[in-house]
Each structure stands twice: as C-alpha cells, then as structure tokens.
Amino acid sequence: MRQAPLAAWRRAGVPLLCVGVLAGCASEPPVAPALAASSASLDAARSSGAPELAAAELNEARAKLDRAQALAKAGRNREAIRVAEQADVDAQLARARASNERSRRSLAEVEAGLRTLREELGRGTGSGTGATTQPVRPPQ
C-alpha cells in the first residue's frame, strides 16, 4: 500500500513545523533582564547625584534606555539588549563621574582648610614679633 504524497508530507511537515517554531522562539533572547538592569543602574546614578554632577552621561543613558524599550516593543530583542547594555554602562559611568566629582570637591575643601591652617600657623610663629599664640580656654 502506497501512501499519497500529500499525506506523507503532512505527517513529516507538521512535526518539522513545530520544531521550527519552537527553535524560532528559543533563539530570541529575553530582553526584560537587560532593561531591568539598565533601569536599576539609572536609578542608582540618579540617587548618587548624577543629575547635578554628570548630567550629560545620565541623559545619554536615559536616551539609550528609551531606545531599547522602543526596540523591544518592536520585537527587535537582540538590538534592544545591545542598546540596553549600552545604557547600563552609560549609567554606571554617570554614577562614577558623580562620585569622582564629589571626591574632587571634598579634596578641594580639605586643601582649602589646610591652607588656612598653615596661614594661621605662619602668622603666629613666623613673624618674629614675639607674638605667641594663646591657648583657647573654655568659658567658665
């Protein structure tokens, strides 16, 4: 008994079609973890003072995250993940620049305080007028 060619193709074709559909679904990586990581990095950068101290980097990260979300909605997951990862790195850069700027400002304050102390010490002992510094006594 010989089967009709169409019936044989149906029996072989349906499983192959199912495998193809499943393989297609499995080949698209999920974009949600990349978007979540980028969003968390942006939140961390915002709370670290990046809006005031590293605005350009923070704005770049925000724009890339918006683009990644749009790509994800369009079903372009691979490209969305790539752009989301770039947004994550930009947000981390904004956070690092903000931290660096805070450290730089703190250092400048400490250096200014040291300069003032040196000037005061120089006035008290280096003038040769015989002036001495008197200890400060607490009020009674």
N, C-alpha and C. Protein backbone atom coordinates (compact mmCIF):
# COMPACT_ATOMS: atom_id res chain seq x y z
N MET A 1 0.81 -1.16 0.00
CA MET A 1 0.00 0.00 0.00
C MET A 1 0.87 1.25 0.00
N ARG A 2 0.60 2.03 -0.96
CA ARG A 2 1.38 3.25 -1.10
C ARG A 2 0.57 4.44 -0.63
N GLN A 3 1.22 5.30 0.23
CA GLN A 3 0.53 6.47 0.76
C GLN A 3 0.56 7.58 -0.28
N ALA A 4 -0.42 8.41 -0.20
CA ALA A 4 -0.46 9.57 -1.08
C ALA A 4 0.67 10.52 -0.66
N PRO A 5 1.36 11.15 -1.61
CA PRO A 5 2.48 12.04 -1.27
C PRO A 5 2.06 13.18 -0.34
N LEU A 6 0.89 13.70 -0.49
CA LEU A 6 0.44 14.80 0.36
C LEU A 6 0.30 14.37 1.81
N ALA A 7 -0.21 13.19 2.06
CA ALA A 7 -0.38 12.68 3.42
C ALA A 7 0.99 12.47 4.08
N ALA A 8 1.95 11.97 3.32
CA ALA A 8 3.30 11.76 3.86
C ALA A 8 3.94 13.09 4.25
N TRP A 9 3.75 14.11 3.44
CA TRP A 9 4.31 15.44 3.75
C TRP A 9 3.64 16.03 4.98
N ARG A 10 2.35 15.79 5.11
CA ARG A 10 1.65 16.31 6.29
C ARG A 10 2.21 15.68 7.56
N ARG A 11 2.37 14.36 7.51
CA ARG A 11 2.89 13.69 8.70
C ARG A 11 4.30 14.15 9.04
N ALA A 12 5.13 14.37 8.08
CA ALA A 12 6.50 14.81 8.32
C ALA A 12 6.57 16.33 8.54
N GLY A 13 5.72 17.05 7.84
CA GLY A 13 5.77 18.51 7.86
C GLY A 13 5.30 19.14 9.16
N VAL A 14 4.25 18.60 9.76
CA VAL A 14 3.71 19.18 10.98
C VAL A 14 4.73 19.14 12.11
N PRO A 15 5.37 17.99 12.38
CA PRO A 15 6.40 18.00 13.43
C PRO A 15 7.57 18.93 13.11
N LEU A 16 7.98 18.95 11.85
CA LEU A 16 9.08 19.85 11.47
C LEU A 16 8.69 21.31 11.65
N LEU A 17 7.47 21.64 11.34
CA LEU A 17 6.99 23.00 11.53
C LEU A 17 6.99 23.37 13.01
N CYS A 18 6.54 22.43 13.86
CA CYS A 18 6.53 22.68 15.31
C CYS A 18 7.95 22.90 15.83
N VAL A 19 8.88 22.08 15.37
CA VAL A 19 10.27 22.23 15.78
C VAL A 19 10.81 23.59 15.33
N GLY A 20 10.49 23.98 14.12
CA GLY A 20 10.93 25.27 13.61
C GLY A 20 10.38 26.44 14.41
N VAL A 21 9.12 26.37 14.77
CA VAL A 21 8.50 27.43 15.57
C VAL A 21 9.15 27.50 16.95
N LEU A 22 9.34 26.34 17.57
CA LEU A 22 9.97 26.31 18.89
C LEU A 22 11.40 26.82 18.83
N ALA A 23 12.13 26.46 17.81
CA ALA A 23 13.51 26.94 17.66
C ALA A 23 13.53 28.45 17.45
N GLY A 24 12.57 28.95 16.70
CA GLY A 24 12.50 30.40 16.49
C GLY A 24 12.21 31.15 17.77
N CYS A 25 11.35 30.61 18.61
CA CYS A 25 11.05 31.25 19.89
C CYS A 25 12.24 31.19 20.82
N ALA A 26 12.94 30.08 20.78
CA ALA A 26 14.08 29.92 21.68
C ALA A 26 15.26 30.77 21.25
N SER A 27 15.35 31.14 20.00
CA SER A 27 16.51 31.89 19.53
C SER A 27 16.44 33.37 19.89
N GLU A 28 15.30 33.90 20.20
CA GLU A 28 15.18 35.30 20.61
C GLU A 28 15.40 35.40 22.11
N PRO A 29 16.47 36.03 22.53
CA PRO A 29 16.74 36.13 23.96
C PRO A 29 15.75 37.08 24.64
N PRO A 30 15.47 36.84 25.91
CA PRO A 30 14.55 37.74 26.61
C PRO A 30 15.22 39.09 26.87
N VAL A 31 14.48 40.14 26.65
CA VAL A 31 15.02 41.49 26.77
C VAL A 31 14.76 42.08 28.16
N ALA A 32 13.81 41.53 28.89
CA ALA A 32 13.42 42.10 30.18
C ALA A 32 14.58 42.21 31.17
N PRO A 33 15.45 41.20 31.33
CA PRO A 33 16.55 41.35 32.29
C PRO A 33 17.50 42.50 31.95
N ALA A 34 17.79 42.69 30.68
CA ALA A 34 18.68 43.79 30.28
C ALA A 34 18.03 45.14 30.55
N LEU A 35 16.73 45.25 30.27
CA LEU A 35 16.03 46.51 30.55
C LEU A 35 15.97 46.78 32.05
N ALA A 36 15.75 45.74 32.83
CA ALA A 36 15.68 45.91 34.29
C ALA A 36 17.04 46.34 34.85
N ALA A 37 18.11 45.74 34.36
CA ALA A 37 19.45 46.10 34.83
C ALA A 37 19.77 47.55 34.49
N SER A 38 19.41 47.97 33.28
CA SER A 38 19.66 49.35 32.87
C SER A 38 18.86 50.32 33.71
N SER A 39 17.62 49.98 33.96
CA SER A 39 16.76 50.84 34.77
C SER A 39 17.31 50.96 36.19
N ALA A 40 17.78 49.86 36.75
CA ALA A 40 18.36 49.89 38.10
C ALA A 40 19.62 50.73 38.13
N SER A 41 20.45 50.64 37.10
CA SER A 41 21.66 51.46 37.04
C SER A 41 21.32 52.94 36.93
N LEU A 42 20.28 53.24 36.17
CA LEU A 42 19.85 54.64 36.06
C LEU A 42 19.36 55.17 37.41
N ASP A 43 18.58 54.37 38.12
CA ASP A 43 18.10 54.78 39.44
C ASP A 43 19.27 55.02 40.40
N ALA A 44 20.25 54.12 40.37
CA ALA A 44 21.43 54.27 41.23
C ALA A 44 22.20 55.54 40.87
N ALA A 45 22.32 55.82 39.58
CA ALA A 45 23.04 57.03 39.16
C ALA A 45 22.28 58.28 39.61
N ARG A 46 20.97 58.25 39.48
CA ARG A 46 20.17 59.41 39.92
C ARG A 46 20.35 59.66 41.42
N SER A 47 20.32 58.59 42.21
CA SER A 47 20.43 58.76 43.65
C SER A 47 21.85 59.11 44.10
N SER A 48 22.83 58.92 43.22
CA SER A 48 24.21 59.24 43.57
C SER A 48 24.58 60.68 43.24
N GLY A 49 23.64 61.45 42.74
CA GLY A 49 23.91 62.85 42.42
C GLY A 49 24.27 63.10 40.98
N ALA A 50 24.12 62.11 40.13
CA ALA A 50 24.47 62.27 38.72
C ALA A 50 23.68 63.37 38.01
N PRO A 51 22.41 63.63 38.37
CA PRO A 51 21.72 64.71 37.65
C PRO A 51 22.42 66.07 37.77
N GLU A 52 23.08 66.30 38.90
CA GLU A 52 23.78 67.57 39.08
C GLU A 52 25.25 67.49 38.66
N LEU A 53 25.87 66.32 38.84
CA LEU A 53 27.31 66.21 38.67
C LEU A 53 27.75 65.52 37.38
N ALA A 54 26.86 64.79 36.73
CA ALA A 54 27.20 64.09 35.48
C ALA A 54 25.95 64.03 34.59
N ALA A 55 25.39 65.18 34.34
CA ALA A 55 24.11 65.25 33.61
C ALA A 55 24.21 64.71 32.19
N ALA A 56 25.30 65.00 31.50
CA ALA A 56 25.42 64.57 30.10
C ALA A 56 25.41 63.04 30.00
N GLU A 57 26.16 62.39 30.86
CA GLU A 57 26.22 60.92 30.84
C GLU A 57 24.87 60.33 31.23
N LEU A 58 24.23 60.92 32.22
CA LEU A 58 22.93 60.42 32.66
C LEU A 58 21.88 60.58 31.56
N ASN A 59 21.90 61.72 30.87
CA ASN A 59 20.95 61.94 29.77
C ASN A 59 21.18 60.94 28.64
N GLU A 60 22.44 60.64 28.36
CA GLU A 60 22.77 59.67 27.32
C GLU A 60 22.24 58.28 27.70
N ALA A 61 22.41 57.91 28.95
CA ALA A 61 21.91 56.61 29.42
C ALA A 61 20.39 56.55 29.32
N ARG A 62 19.72 57.61 29.72
CA ARG A 62 18.25 57.66 29.67
C ARG A 62 17.75 57.53 28.22
N ALA A 63 18.41 58.24 27.30
CA ALA A 63 18.02 58.17 25.89
C ALA A 63 18.20 56.76 25.34
N LYS A 64 19.30 56.11 25.71
CA LYS A 64 19.54 54.75 25.22
C LYS A 64 18.53 53.77 25.82
N LEU A 65 18.17 53.95 27.08
CA LEU A 65 17.17 53.06 27.67
C LEU A 65 15.82 53.25 26.98
N ASP A 66 15.45 54.48 26.69
CA ASP A 66 14.21 54.73 25.96
C ASP A 66 14.24 54.05 24.59
N ARG A 67 15.38 54.14 23.91
CA ARG A 67 15.51 53.50 22.59
C ARG A 67 15.42 51.98 22.73
N ALA A 68 16.05 51.42 23.76
CA ALA A 68 15.99 49.97 23.97
C ALA A 68 14.56 49.51 24.22
N GLN A 69 13.81 50.29 24.98
CA GLN A 69 12.41 49.93 25.24
C GLN A 69 11.59 49.97 23.95
N ALA A 70 11.86 50.96 23.12
CA ALA A 70 11.14 51.05 21.84
C ALA A 70 11.50 49.87 20.93
N LEU A 71 12.77 49.49 20.91
CA LEU A 71 13.18 48.34 20.10
C LEU A 71 12.55 47.05 20.61
N ALA A 72 12.45 46.92 21.92
CA ALA A 72 11.82 45.73 22.49
C ALA A 72 10.35 45.65 22.11
N LYS A 73 9.67 46.79 22.14
CA LYS A 73 8.25 46.80 21.74
C LYS A 73 8.09 46.44 20.27
N ALA A 74 9.10 46.79 19.46
CA ALA A 74 9.05 46.47 18.04
C ALA A 74 9.47 45.03 17.76
N GLY A 75 9.85 44.28 18.81
CA GLY A 75 10.23 42.90 18.64
C GLY A 75 11.67 42.69 18.21
N ARG A 76 12.47 43.72 18.28
CA ARG A 76 13.88 43.64 17.89
C ARG A 76 14.72 43.41 19.15
N ASN A 77 14.56 42.22 19.72
CA ASN A 77 15.14 41.92 21.03
C ASN A 77 16.66 41.99 21.07
N ARG A 78 17.32 41.43 20.10
CA ARG A 78 18.79 41.44 20.12
C ARG A 78 19.32 42.86 20.12
N GLU A 79 18.78 43.70 19.28
CA GLU A 79 19.22 45.10 19.23
C GLU A 79 18.81 45.83 20.51
N ALA A 80 17.64 45.51 21.04
CA ALA A 80 17.19 46.13 22.29
C ALA A 80 18.13 45.77 23.43
N ILE A 81 18.57 44.52 23.49
CA ILE A 81 19.50 44.10 24.54
C ILE A 81 20.82 44.85 24.41
N ARG A 82 21.32 44.95 23.19
CA ARG A 82 22.59 45.65 22.96
C ARG A 82 22.49 47.11 23.41
N VAL A 83 21.43 47.79 23.06
CA VAL A 83 21.27 49.20 23.44
C VAL A 83 21.02 49.33 24.95
N ALA A 84 20.29 48.39 25.53
CA ALA A 84 20.06 48.41 26.97
C ALA A 84 21.38 48.22 27.72
N GLU A 85 22.25 47.36 27.21
CA GLU A 85 23.56 47.18 27.84
C GLU A 85 24.40 48.45 27.74
N GLN A 86 24.29 49.15 26.62
CA GLN A 86 24.99 50.43 26.48
C GLN A 86 24.44 51.45 27.48
N ALA A 87 23.13 51.46 27.65
CA ALA A 87 22.52 52.37 28.62
C ALA A 87 23.00 52.04 30.04
N ASP A 88 23.12 50.77 30.34
CA ASP A 88 23.62 50.33 31.65
C ASP A 88 25.03 50.86 31.89
N VAL A 89 25.90 50.71 30.90
CA VAL A 89 27.28 51.18 31.02
C VAL A 89 27.32 52.71 31.15
N ASP A 90 26.50 53.40 30.38
CA ASP A 90 26.46 54.87 30.49
C ASP A 90 25.98 55.32 31.86
N ALA A 91 25.01 54.62 32.42
CA ALA A 91 24.52 54.95 33.76
C ALA A 91 25.60 54.70 34.80
N GLN A 92 26.34 53.61 34.65
CA GLN A 92 27.44 53.34 35.57
C GLN A 92 28.52 54.41 35.45
N LEU A 93 28.77 54.87 34.23
CA LEU A 93 29.74 55.95 34.01
C LEU A 93 29.26 57.23 34.69
N ALA A 94 27.98 57.54 34.56
CA ALA A 94 27.43 58.74 35.20
C ALA A 94 27.59 58.65 36.72
N ARG A 95 27.34 57.48 37.25
CA ARG A 95 27.48 57.29 38.70
C ARG A 95 28.94 57.47 39.12
N ALA A 96 29.86 56.90 38.35
CA ALA A 96 31.29 57.02 38.67
C ALA A 96 31.76 58.47 38.55
N ARG A 97 31.30 59.17 37.52
CA ARG A 97 31.70 60.58 37.36
C ARG A 97 31.16 61.43 38.50
N ALA A 98 29.94 61.15 38.93
CA ALA A 98 29.35 61.89 40.06
C ALA A 98 30.16 61.63 41.32
N SER A 99 30.52 60.39 41.54
CA SER A 99 31.33 60.05 42.71
C SER A 99 32.70 60.74 42.64
N ASN A 100 33.30 60.72 41.47
CA ASN A 100 34.58 61.38 41.28
C ASN A 100 34.48 62.89 41.56
N GLU A 101 33.43 63.50 41.07
CA GLU A 101 33.25 64.95 41.28
C GLU A 101 33.04 65.26 42.77
N ARG A 102 32.27 64.43 43.47
CA ARG A 102 32.09 64.63 44.91
C ARG A 102 33.43 64.52 45.64
N SER A 103 34.23 63.53 45.25
CA SER A 103 35.54 63.35 45.86
C SER A 103 36.45 64.54 45.57
N ARG A 104 36.41 65.03 44.35
CA ARG A 104 37.23 66.17 43.97
C ARG A 104 36.84 67.41 44.78
N ARG A 105 35.55 67.61 44.95
CA ARG A 105 35.08 68.76 45.73
C ARG A 105 35.47 68.62 47.20
N SER A 106 35.39 67.43 47.74
CA SER A 106 35.79 67.20 49.13
C SER A 106 37.28 67.46 49.30
N LEU A 107 38.07 67.01 48.36
CA LEU A 107 39.51 67.24 48.41
C LEU A 107 39.81 68.74 48.37
N ALA A 108 39.12 69.46 47.52
CA ALA A 108 39.34 70.91 47.43
C ALA A 108 39.01 71.58 48.76
N GLU A 109 37.95 71.14 49.44
CA GLU A 109 37.60 71.70 50.74
C GLU A 109 38.68 71.42 51.78
N VAL A 110 39.19 70.19 51.80
CA VAL A 110 40.24 69.83 52.75
C VAL A 110 41.50 70.64 52.47
N GLU A 111 41.87 70.79 51.20
CA GLU A 111 43.05 71.57 50.85
C GLU A 111 42.89 73.03 51.26
N ALA A 112 41.69 73.58 51.07
CA ALA A 112 41.45 74.97 51.48
C ALA A 112 41.58 75.10 53.00
N GLY A 113 41.08 74.14 53.74
CA GLY A 113 41.20 74.16 55.19
C GLY A 113 42.66 74.07 55.63
N LEU A 114 43.43 73.22 54.97
CA LEU A 114 44.85 73.10 55.29
C LEU A 114 45.60 74.40 54.99
N ARG A 115 45.26 75.04 53.89
CA ARG A 115 45.89 76.32 53.54
C ARG A 115 45.62 77.35 54.63
N THR A 116 44.37 77.39 55.08
CA THR A 116 44.00 78.33 56.13
C THR A 116 44.77 78.04 57.42
N LEU A 117 44.87 76.78 57.79
CA LEU A 117 45.62 76.41 58.99
C LEU A 117 47.09 76.79 58.87
N ARG A 118 47.67 76.55 57.71
CA ARG A 118 49.09 76.92 57.50
C ARG A 118 49.28 78.43 57.62
N GLU A 119 48.36 79.19 57.05
CA GLU A 119 48.45 80.65 57.14
C GLU A 119 48.35 81.11 58.60
N GLU A 120 47.45 80.53 59.34
CA GLU A 120 47.29 80.91 60.74
C GLU A 120 48.52 80.53 61.55
N LEU A 121 49.08 79.36 61.28
CA LEU A 121 50.29 78.95 61.98
C LEU A 121 51.46 79.85 61.61
N GLY A 122 51.54 80.24 60.37
CA GLY A 122 52.62 81.13 59.91
C GLY A 122 52.53 82.49 60.55
N ARG A 123 51.36 83.00 60.75
CA ARG A 123 51.18 84.30 61.39
C ARG A 123 51.58 84.26 62.86
N GLY A 124 51.31 83.18 63.51
CA GLY A 124 51.54 83.10 64.94
C GLY A 124 52.99 82.90 65.31
N THR A 125 53.80 82.23 64.50
CA THR A 125 55.16 81.91 64.91
C THR A 125 56.21 82.46 63.97
N GLY A 126 55.90 82.78 62.78
CA GLY A 126 56.92 83.16 61.81
C GLY A 126 57.12 84.65 61.65
N SER A 127 56.44 85.49 62.38
CA SER A 127 56.55 86.93 62.14
C SER A 127 57.74 87.55 62.85
N GLY A 128 58.28 86.91 63.86
CA GLY A 128 59.43 87.45 64.57
C GLY A 128 59.07 88.60 65.50
N THR A 129 57.84 88.88 65.76
CA THR A 129 57.43 89.98 66.62
C THR A 129 57.32 89.54 68.06
N GLY A 130 57.59 88.29 68.29
CA GLY A 130 57.49 87.78 69.65
C GLY A 130 56.08 87.42 70.04
N ALA A 131 55.17 87.52 69.11
CA ALA A 131 53.79 87.16 69.41
C ALA A 131 53.69 85.66 69.57
N THR A 132 52.96 85.25 70.56
CA THR A 132 52.75 83.82 70.77
C THR A 132 51.26 83.55 70.72
N THR A 133 50.97 82.37 70.38
CA THR A 133 49.56 82.01 70.36
C THR A 133 49.15 81.60 71.76
N GLN A 134 48.01 82.05 72.15
CA GLN A 134 47.48 81.73 73.46
C GLN A 134 46.51 80.57 73.33
N PRO A 135 46.58 79.61 74.24
CA PRO A 135 45.59 78.53 74.18
C PRO A 135 44.20 79.07 74.41
N VAL A 136 43.27 78.48 73.77
CA VAL A 136 41.88 78.88 73.92
C VAL A 136 41.33 78.18 75.15
N ARG A 137 40.77 78.98 76.07
CA ARG A 137 40.19 78.41 77.28
C ARG A 137 38.69 78.40 77.17
N PRO A 138 38.09 77.33 77.59
CA PRO A 138 36.62 77.29 77.52
C PRO A 138 36.03 78.28 78.52
N PRO A 139 34.87 78.86 78.19
CA PRO A 139 34.24 79.81 79.10
C PRO A 139 33.83 79.11 80.40
N GLN A 140 33.92 79.88 81.50
CA GLN A 140 33.58 79.28 82.80
C GLN A 140 32.19 79.61 83.24
